[in-house]
Amino acid sequence: MRILDGSGLFNTKFDFLENSCRWKITITSKAFILTTVNNQYDCAFGNGVVADGEYKKISSKKPECFVQGDGQKVYFAKVKPEKYYDTL
């Protein structure tokens, strides 16, 4: 997903779900705002669970890494975000 001028659209479709998962994402200096678009709520979170909301910024520090679901750290200095899926 690309963020241009502080906003972007995310869309994905899981084979086992009827509809897709579609979000509008807006980033401001104070928050990250996520809004579901066109009632496309099939995001595989479970029944009635949505991610919509305003998430307040608590730091401007750029992270060095993130932790995958298996606990392994992935460092941005070694793997650029846009190339992450190429490493799997």
N, C-alpha and C. Protein backbone atom coordinates (compact mmCIF):
# COMPACT_ATOMS: atom_id res chain seq x y z
N MET A 1 0.84 -1.17 0.00
CA MET A 1 0.00 0.00 0.00
C MET A 1 0.89 1.24 0.00
N ARG A 2 0.54 2.19 -0.79
CA ARG A 2 1.28 3.46 -0.83
C ARG A 2 0.49 4.52 -0.07
N ILE A 3 1.23 5.32 0.68
CA ILE A 3 0.66 6.46 1.38
C ILE A 3 1.10 7.70 0.62
N LEU A 4 0.16 8.44 0.07
CA LEU A 4 0.45 9.68 -0.65
C LEU A 4 -0.32 10.81 0.00
N ASP A 5 0.38 11.89 0.32
CA ASP A 5 -0.23 13.05 0.96
C ASP A 5 -1.02 12.66 2.22
N GLY A 6 -0.48 11.70 2.96
CA GLY A 6 -1.08 11.34 4.24
C GLY A 6 -2.24 10.37 4.19
N SER A 7 -2.55 9.81 3.01
CA SER A 7 -3.64 8.83 2.98
C SER A 7 -3.38 7.75 1.95
N GLY A 8 -4.08 6.64 2.13
CA GLY A 8 -3.95 5.52 1.22
C GLY A 8 -5.12 4.57 1.38
N LEU A 9 -5.23 3.62 0.45
CA LEU A 9 -6.27 2.61 0.50
C LEU A 9 -5.64 1.24 0.59
N PHE A 10 -6.18 0.42 1.48
CA PHE A 10 -5.74 -0.96 1.64
C PHE A 10 -6.89 -1.85 1.22
N ASN A 11 -6.60 -2.89 0.43
CA ASN A 11 -7.63 -3.82 0.02
C ASN A 11 -7.03 -5.21 -0.06
N THR A 12 -7.74 -6.19 0.50
CA THR A 12 -7.32 -7.58 0.37
C THR A 12 -8.56 -8.44 0.36
N LYS A 13 -8.44 -9.62 -0.22
CA LYS A 13 -9.57 -10.55 -0.30
C LYS A 13 -9.07 -11.93 0.08
N PHE A 14 -9.67 -12.48 1.13
CA PHE A 14 -9.34 -13.84 1.54
C PHE A 14 -10.24 -14.82 0.79
N ASP A 15 -9.67 -15.91 0.27
CA ASP A 15 -10.43 -16.87 -0.53
C ASP A 15 -11.62 -17.46 0.24
N PHE A 16 -11.49 -17.60 1.54
CA PHE A 16 -12.53 -18.25 2.33
C PHE A 16 -13.63 -17.29 2.80
N LEU A 17 -13.55 -16.01 2.44
CA LEU A 17 -14.56 -15.03 2.84
C LEU A 17 -15.29 -14.49 1.62
N GLU A 18 -16.53 -14.11 1.83
CA GLU A 18 -17.38 -13.65 0.72
C GLU A 18 -16.96 -12.29 0.17
N ASN A 19 -16.71 -11.33 1.07
CA ASN A 19 -16.36 -9.98 0.66
C ASN A 19 -14.88 -9.72 0.91
N SER A 20 -14.45 -8.51 0.59
CA SER A 20 -13.05 -8.15 0.81
C SER A 20 -12.91 -7.33 2.09
N CYS A 21 -11.69 -6.98 2.39
CA CYS A 21 -11.34 -6.11 3.50
C CYS A 21 -10.76 -4.85 2.87
N ARG A 22 -11.40 -3.71 3.11
CA ARG A 22 -10.96 -2.47 2.46
C ARG A 22 -10.96 -1.34 3.49
N TRP A 23 -9.82 -0.68 3.62
CA TRP A 23 -9.67 0.42 4.57
C TRP A 23 -9.15 1.67 3.89
N LYS A 24 -9.59 2.81 4.38
CA LYS A 24 -8.96 4.09 4.07
C LYS A 24 -8.08 4.40 5.28
N ILE A 25 -6.85 4.75 5.02
CA ILE A 25 -5.91 5.06 6.09
C ILE A 25 -5.46 6.50 5.91
N THR A 26 -5.56 7.24 7.00
CA THR A 26 -5.12 8.64 7.01
C THR A 26 -4.10 8.81 8.13
N ILE A 27 -2.98 9.43 7.81
CA ILE A 27 -1.94 9.67 8.80
C ILE A 27 -1.78 11.17 8.97
N THR A 28 -1.91 11.63 10.21
CA THR A 28 -1.71 13.04 10.53
C THR A 28 -0.51 13.14 11.46
N SER A 29 -0.18 14.34 11.86
CA SER A 29 0.95 14.52 12.78
C SER A 29 0.63 13.97 14.17
N LYS A 30 -0.64 13.74 14.46
CA LYS A 30 -1.05 13.29 15.80
C LYS A 30 -1.68 11.91 15.85
N ALA A 31 -2.07 11.35 14.69
CA ALA A 31 -2.81 10.09 14.73
C ALA A 31 -2.75 9.32 13.43
N PHE A 32 -3.15 8.06 13.52
CA PHE A 32 -3.35 7.13 12.42
C PHE A 32 -4.85 6.81 12.45
N ILE A 33 -5.56 7.10 11.38
CA ILE A 33 -7.01 6.92 11.36
C ILE A 33 -7.35 5.85 10.33
N LEU A 34 -8.08 4.83 10.77
CA LEU A 34 -8.45 3.72 9.91
C LEU A 34 -9.97 3.67 9.82
N THR A 35 -10.49 3.65 8.58
CA THR A 35 -11.92 3.63 8.33
C THR A 35 -12.23 2.56 7.29
N THR A 36 -13.18 1.68 7.60
CA THR A 36 -13.60 0.67 6.63
C THR A 36 -14.38 1.35 5.51
N VAL A 37 -14.11 0.92 4.27
CA VAL A 37 -14.72 1.53 3.08
C VAL A 37 -15.79 0.59 2.51
N ASN A 38 -16.94 1.16 2.15
CA ASN A 38 -18.03 0.44 1.46
C ASN A 38 -18.45 -0.85 2.15
N ASN A 39 -18.47 -0.84 3.48
CA ASN A 39 -18.89 -2.02 4.26
C ASN A 39 -18.10 -3.28 3.93
N GLN A 40 -16.85 -3.12 3.51
CA GLN A 40 -15.99 -4.27 3.21
C GLN A 40 -15.24 -4.68 4.48
N TYR A 41 -15.95 -5.37 5.38
CA TYR A 41 -15.45 -5.71 6.71
C TYR A 41 -14.86 -7.11 6.82
N ASP A 42 -14.76 -7.88 5.74
CA ASP A 42 -14.26 -9.25 5.84
C ASP A 42 -12.74 -9.28 5.94
N CYS A 43 -12.25 -8.96 7.16
CA CYS A 43 -10.81 -8.85 7.40
C CYS A 43 -10.26 -10.02 8.21
N ALA A 44 -11.08 -11.05 8.44
CA ALA A 44 -10.68 -12.28 9.13
C ALA A 44 -10.32 -12.06 10.60
N PHE A 45 -10.90 -11.04 11.22
CA PHE A 45 -10.67 -10.81 12.64
C PHE A 45 -11.61 -11.64 13.51
N GLY A 46 -12.72 -12.06 12.96
CA GLY A 46 -13.75 -12.75 13.73
C GLY A 46 -15.02 -11.92 13.68
N ASN A 47 -16.12 -12.56 14.02
CA ASN A 47 -17.43 -11.92 13.91
C ASN A 47 -17.55 -10.66 14.77
N GLY A 48 -17.90 -9.55 14.13
CA GLY A 48 -18.14 -8.30 14.83
C GLY A 48 -16.90 -7.52 15.23
N VAL A 49 -15.73 -7.98 14.85
CA VAL A 49 -14.48 -7.29 15.22
C VAL A 49 -14.05 -6.40 14.06
N VAL A 50 -13.83 -5.12 14.34
CA VAL A 50 -13.36 -4.18 13.32
C VAL A 50 -12.16 -3.41 13.85
N ALA A 51 -11.38 -2.86 12.95
CA ALA A 51 -10.18 -2.11 13.34
C ALA A 51 -10.39 -0.61 13.26
N ASP A 52 -11.56 -0.17 12.82
CA ASP A 52 -11.84 1.26 12.65
C ASP A 52 -11.52 2.04 13.92
N GLY A 53 -10.93 3.20 13.74
CA GLY A 53 -10.66 4.05 14.88
C GLY A 53 -9.55 5.03 14.62
N GLU A 54 -9.33 5.86 15.62
CA GLU A 54 -8.23 6.82 15.60
C GLU A 54 -7.22 6.37 16.63
N TYR A 55 -6.00 6.11 16.17
CA TYR A 55 -4.92 5.63 17.02
C TYR A 55 -3.94 6.77 17.22
N LYS A 56 -3.85 7.26 18.42
CA LYS A 56 -3.02 8.43 18.72
C LYS A 56 -1.54 8.11 18.65
N LYS A 57 -0.78 9.03 18.09
CA LYS A 57 0.66 8.90 17.97
C LYS A 57 1.29 9.12 19.34
N ILE A 58 2.17 8.22 19.73
CA ILE A 58 2.83 8.35 21.03
C ILE A 58 4.33 8.63 20.89
N SER A 59 4.86 8.49 19.66
CA SER A 59 6.28 8.72 19.47
C SER A 59 6.55 9.04 18.00
N SER A 60 7.58 9.84 17.74
CA SER A 60 8.02 10.11 16.38
C SER A 60 9.28 9.32 16.03
N LYS A 61 9.74 8.53 16.98
CA LYS A 61 10.94 7.73 16.76
C LYS A 61 10.68 6.66 15.71
N LYS A 62 11.57 6.57 14.73
CA LYS A 62 11.45 5.55 13.71
C LYS A 62 11.94 4.21 14.27
N PRO A 63 11.15 3.16 14.10
CA PRO A 63 11.57 1.86 14.64
C PRO A 63 12.73 1.28 13.85
N GLU A 64 13.56 0.51 14.53
CA GLU A 64 14.67 -0.18 13.87
C GLU A 64 14.20 -1.48 13.25
N CYS A 65 13.15 -2.06 13.83
CA CYS A 65 12.71 -3.37 13.39
C CYS A 65 11.25 -3.59 13.79
N PHE A 66 10.72 -4.73 13.34
CA PHE A 66 9.43 -5.21 13.83
C PHE A 66 9.56 -6.68 14.13
N VAL A 67 8.64 -7.21 14.91
CA VAL A 67 8.69 -8.61 15.31
C VAL A 67 7.60 -9.37 14.56
N GLN A 68 8.00 -10.42 13.85
CA GLN A 68 7.05 -11.26 13.13
C GLN A 68 6.26 -12.11 14.11
N GLY A 69 5.23 -12.76 13.62
CA GLY A 69 4.40 -13.63 14.46
C GLY A 69 5.17 -14.76 15.11
N ASP A 70 6.27 -15.19 14.49
CA ASP A 70 7.07 -16.28 15.06
C ASP A 70 8.13 -15.78 16.05
N GLY A 71 8.12 -14.46 16.32
CA GLY A 71 9.06 -13.89 17.27
C GLY A 71 10.36 -13.37 16.67
N GLN A 72 10.60 -13.63 15.40
CA GLN A 72 11.83 -13.19 14.73
C GLN A 72 11.77 -11.70 14.44
N LYS A 73 12.87 -10.98 14.71
CA LYS A 73 12.96 -9.56 14.42
C LYS A 73 13.40 -9.36 12.98
N VAL A 74 12.76 -8.41 12.30
CA VAL A 74 13.13 -8.04 10.94
C VAL A 74 13.58 -6.58 10.99
N TYR A 75 14.84 -6.33 10.61
CA TYR A 75 15.43 -5.00 10.71
C TYR A 75 15.28 -4.25 9.39
N PHE A 76 14.77 -3.01 9.47
CA PHE A 76 14.55 -2.20 8.28
C PHE A 76 15.84 -1.87 7.56
N ALA A 77 16.96 -1.83 8.26
CA ALA A 77 18.25 -1.55 7.62
C ALA A 77 18.65 -2.68 6.67
N LYS A 78 18.13 -3.89 6.92
CA LYS A 78 18.47 -5.04 6.09
C LYS A 78 17.40 -5.36 5.06
N VAL A 79 16.13 -5.11 5.40
CA VAL A 79 15.02 -5.43 4.51
C VAL A 79 14.10 -4.21 4.42
N LYS A 80 14.00 -3.64 3.24
CA LYS A 80 13.10 -2.52 3.02
C LYS A 80 11.66 -3.02 3.07
N PRO A 81 10.73 -2.26 3.63
CA PRO A 81 9.34 -2.73 3.74
C PRO A 81 8.74 -3.22 2.43
N GLU A 82 9.02 -2.53 1.33
CA GLU A 82 8.45 -2.93 0.05
C GLU A 82 9.04 -4.24 -0.48
N LYS A 83 10.14 -4.70 0.08
CA LYS A 83 10.78 -5.95 -0.33
C LYS A 83 10.55 -7.08 0.68
N TYR A 84 9.82 -6.80 1.74
CA TYR A 84 9.63 -7.80 2.81
C TYR A 84 9.06 -9.12 2.29
N TYR A 85 8.01 -9.08 1.49
CA TYR A 85 7.37 -10.32 1.03
C TYR A 85 8.28 -11.11 0.09
N ASP A 86 9.27 -10.47 -0.51
CA ASP A 86 10.23 -11.18 -1.34
C ASP A 86 11.14 -12.08 -0.51
N THR A 87 11.24 -11.81 0.81
CA THR A 87 12.14 -12.57 1.67
C THR A 87 11.48 -13.78 2.30
N LEU A 88 10.17 -13.90 2.16
CA LEU A 88 9.45 -15.01 2.81
C LEU A 88 9.60 -16.30 2.06
